[in-house]
Amino acid sequence: MSVPLLAPGDRVLVKDDWPEFRGPAHIRTPHYLRGKPGRVVRVLGGFANPEDLAFARPAPKRVLYHVVFERPPLWHEGEAGDDVLVEIFEHWLQPVPAERQAA
């Protein structure tokens, strides 16, 4: 397993990527989270990448995180404090640039 690049409290964006449009793919990241901001809650450790395992390819261990998202911006319903907690692999996350963290 590689060393985690993110830590609890880090603000992240889920990559707005759609590999399923480039060919067969097994995606573990929910569509509704792509391009959305969240916050790392905890590092869960390294696990074989299920996106590779689904096709019987070598599956290197990748870091998995619990990431929390505010519910109202996702579905335009709910109240402040309604959160969604999701497990997401590191290769789907990118840190929010420091200049955007204060915004």
C-alpha atoms as a PDB file:
ATOM      1  CA  MET A   1       0.000   0.000   0.000  1.00  0.00           C
ATOM      2  CA  SER A   2       1.174   3.463  -0.720  1.00  0.00           C
ATOM      3  CA  VAL A   3       1.324   6.102   1.989  1.00  0.00           C
ATOM      4  CA  PRO A   4      -1.993   8.001   2.249  1.00  0.00           C
ATOM      5  CA  LEU A   5      -1.811  11.367   0.502  1.00  0.00           C
ATOM      6  CA  LEU A   6      -4.801  12.716   2.420  1.00  0.00           C
ATOM      7  CA  ALA A   7      -5.593  13.047   6.111  1.00  0.00           C
ATOM      8  CA  PRO A   8      -8.748  13.471   8.190  1.00  0.00           C
ATOM      9  CA  GLY A   9     -10.049  17.008   7.786  1.00  0.00           C
ATOM     10  CA  ASP A  10      -8.661  17.495   4.264  1.00  0.00           C
ATOM     11  CA  ARG A  11     -11.115  18.979   1.803  1.00  0.00           C
ATOM     12  CA  VAL A  12     -11.293  17.072  -1.467  1.00  0.00           C
ATOM     13  CA  LEU A  13     -13.048  16.998  -4.803  1.00  0.00           C
ATOM     14  CA  VAL A  14     -14.194  13.772  -6.385  1.00  0.00           C
ATOM     15  CA  LYS A  15     -12.758  13.626  -9.892  1.00  0.00           C
ATOM     16  CA  ASP A  16     -15.296  14.419 -12.579  1.00  0.00           C
ATOM     17  CA  ASP A  17     -14.238  11.432 -14.682  1.00  0.00           C
ATOM     18  CA  TRP A  18     -16.423   9.012 -16.622  1.00  0.00           C
ATOM     19  CA  PRO A  19     -14.283   5.980 -17.595  1.00  0.00           C
ATOM     20  CA  GLU A  20     -17.392   3.961 -18.403  1.00  0.00           C
ATOM     21  CA  PHE A  21     -17.746   6.071 -21.557  1.00  0.00           C
ATOM     22  CA  ARG A  22     -14.286   4.950 -22.709  1.00  0.00           C
ATOM     23  CA  GLY A  23     -15.080   1.237 -22.628  1.00  0.00           C
ATOM     24  CA  PRO A  24     -15.962  -1.517 -20.203  1.00  0.00           C
ATOM     25  CA  ALA A  25     -15.481  -0.377 -16.633  1.00  0.00           C
ATOM     26  CA  HIS A  26     -16.429  -1.338 -13.106  1.00  0.00           C
ATOM     27  CA  ILE A  27     -16.778   1.899 -11.155  1.00  0.00           C
ATOM     28  CA  ARG A  28     -17.061   2.027  -7.373  1.00  0.00           C
ATOM     29  CA  THR A  29     -17.538   5.800  -7.135  1.00  0.00           C
ATOM     30  CA  PRO A  30     -21.177   6.947  -7.211  1.00  0.00           C
ATOM     31  CA  HIS A  31     -22.140   9.085 -10.199  1.00  0.00           C
ATOM     32  CA  TYR A  32     -23.815  11.690  -8.014  1.00  0.00           C
ATOM     33  CA  LEU A  33     -20.505  12.472  -6.261  1.00  0.00           C
ATOM     34  CA  ARG A  34     -18.356  13.131  -9.316  1.00  0.00           C
ATOM     35  CA  GLY A  35     -17.132  16.727  -9.305  1.00  0.00           C
ATOM     36  CA  LYS A  36     -18.492  17.307  -5.783  1.00  0.00           C
ATOM     37  CA  PRO A  37     -16.582  18.584  -2.734  1.00  0.00           C
ATOM     38  CA  GLY A  38     -16.244  16.569   0.457  1.00  0.00           C
ATOM     39  CA  ARG A  39     -14.081  16.188   3.537  1.00  0.00           C
ATOM     40  CA  VAL A  40     -11.948  13.215   4.544  1.00  0.00           C
ATOM     41  CA  VAL A  41     -13.165  11.714   7.810  1.00  0.00           C
ATOM     42  CA  ARG A  42     -10.767   8.771   8.160  1.00  0.00           C
ATOM     43  CA  VAL A  43      -8.192   6.688   6.357  1.00  0.00           C
ATOM     44  CA  LEU A  44      -9.403   3.086   6.149  1.00  0.00           C
ATOM     45  CA  GLY A  45      -6.189   1.493   4.849  1.00  0.00           C
ATOM     46  CA  GLY A  46      -5.050  -0.180   1.660  1.00  0.00           C
ATOM     47  CA  PHE A  47      -7.276  -2.544  -0.298  1.00  0.00           C
ATOM     48  CA  ALA A  48      -7.051  -4.236  -3.685  1.00  0.00           C
ATOM     49  CA  ASN A  49      -8.641  -1.998  -6.296  1.00  0.00           C
ATOM     50  CA  PRO A  50     -12.065  -3.519  -7.135  1.00  0.00           C
ATOM     51  CA  GLU A  51     -12.070  -1.679 -10.458  1.00  0.00           C
ATOM     52  CA  ASP A  52      -9.228  -4.002 -11.510  1.00  0.00           C
ATOM     53  CA  LEU A  53     -10.442  -7.098  -9.672  1.00  0.00           C
ATOM     54  CA  ALA A  54     -13.704  -7.012 -11.639  1.00  0.00           C
ATOM     55  CA  PHE A  55     -11.727  -7.755 -14.816  1.00  0.00           C
ATOM     56  CA  ALA A  56      -9.255 -10.213 -13.249  1.00  0.00           C
ATOM     57  CA  ARG A  57      -6.433  -7.706 -13.704  1.00  0.00           C
ATOM     58  CA  PRO A  58      -3.618  -7.260 -11.185  1.00  0.00           C
ATOM     59  CA  ALA A  59      -5.105  -5.115  -8.442  1.00  0.00           C
ATOM     60  CA  PRO A  60      -2.572  -3.075  -6.509  1.00  0.00           C
ATOM     61  CA  LYS A  61      -3.625  -1.922  -3.078  1.00  0.00           C
ATOM     62  CA  ARG A  62      -5.028   1.588  -3.048  1.00  0.00           C
ATOM     63  CA  VAL A  63      -5.832   3.778  -0.080  1.00  0.00           C
ATOM     64  CA  LEU A  64      -9.518   3.879   0.839  1.00  0.00           C
ATOM     65  CA  TYR A  65     -11.119   6.764   2.746  1.00  0.00           C
ATOM     66  CA  HIS A  66     -14.368   7.664   4.447  1.00  0.00           C
ATOM     67  CA  VAL A  67     -15.396  10.979   2.899  1.00  0.00           C
ATOM     68  CA  VAL A  68     -18.367  13.019   4.090  1.00  0.00           C
ATOM     69  CA  PHE A  69     -20.520  15.153   1.784  1.00  0.00           C
ATOM     70  CA  GLU A  70     -23.217  17.662   2.652  1.00  0.00           C
ATOM     71  CA  ARG A  71     -26.540  16.242   1.505  1.00  0.00           C
ATOM     72  CA  PRO A  72     -28.424  19.412   0.424  1.00  0.00           C
ATOM     73  CA  PRO A  73     -26.019  20.295  -2.439  1.00  0.00           C
ATOM     74  CA  LEU A  74     -26.150  16.699  -3.742  1.00  0.00           C
ATOM     75  CA  TRP A  75     -29.901  16.270  -4.031  1.00  0.00           C
ATOM     76  CA  HIS A  76     -31.342  19.730  -3.305  1.00  0.00           C
ATOM     77  CA  GLU A  77     -33.112  18.399  -0.239  1.00  0.00           C
ATOM     78  CA  GLY A  78     -32.389  17.941   3.430  1.00  0.00           C
ATOM     79  CA  GLU A  79     -31.067  20.383   5.974  1.00  0.00           C
ATOM     80  CA  ALA A  80     -27.661  21.625   7.053  1.00  0.00           C
ATOM     81  CA  GLY A  81     -26.029  18.813   9.005  1.00  0.00           C
ATOM     82  CA  ASP A  82     -27.584  16.080   6.863  1.00  0.00           C
ATOM     83  CA  ASP A  83     -24.476  14.332   5.609  1.00  0.00           C
ATOM     84  CA  VAL A  84     -23.638  11.384   3.373  1.00  0.00           C
ATOM     85  CA  LEU A  85     -20.640   9.202   4.302  1.00  0.00           C
ATOM     86  CA  VAL A  86     -19.056   7.268   1.430  1.00  0.00           C
ATOM     87  CA  GLU A  87     -16.006   5.017   0.990  1.00  0.00           C
ATOM     88  CA  ILE A  88     -13.882   6.304  -1.904  1.00  0.00           C
ATOM     89  CA  PHE A  89     -10.494   5.197  -3.179  1.00  0.00           C
ATOM     90  CA  GLU A  90      -7.694   7.763  -3.331  1.00  0.00           C
ATOM     91  CA  HIS A  91      -7.331   7.673  -7.121  1.00  0.00           C
ATOM     92  CA  TRP A  92     -10.807   9.247  -7.346  1.00  0.00           C
ATOM     93  CA  LEU A  93      -9.949  12.153  -5.033  1.00  0.00           C
ATOM     94  CA  GLN A  94      -8.033  15.362  -5.518  1.00  0.00           C
ATOM     95  CA  PRO A  95      -7.186  17.873  -2.787  1.00  0.00           C
ATOM     96  CA  VAL A  96      -8.987  21.192  -2.848  1.00  0.00           C
ATOM     97  CA  PRO A  97      -6.374  23.874  -3.582  1.00  0.00           C
ATOM     98  CA  ALA A  98      -5.487  25.952  -0.504  1.00  0.00           C
ATOM     99  CA  GLU A  99      -6.843  29.161  -2.043  1.00  0.00           C
ATOM    100  CA  ARG A 100     -10.270  27.510  -2.463  1.00  0.00           C
ATOM    101  CA  GLN A 101     -10.339  26.073   1.079  1.00  0.00           C
ATOM    102  CA  ALA A 102     -10.996  29.478   2.630  1.00  0.00           C
ATOM    103  CA  ALA A 103     -13.894  30.153   0.241  1.00  0.00           C
END
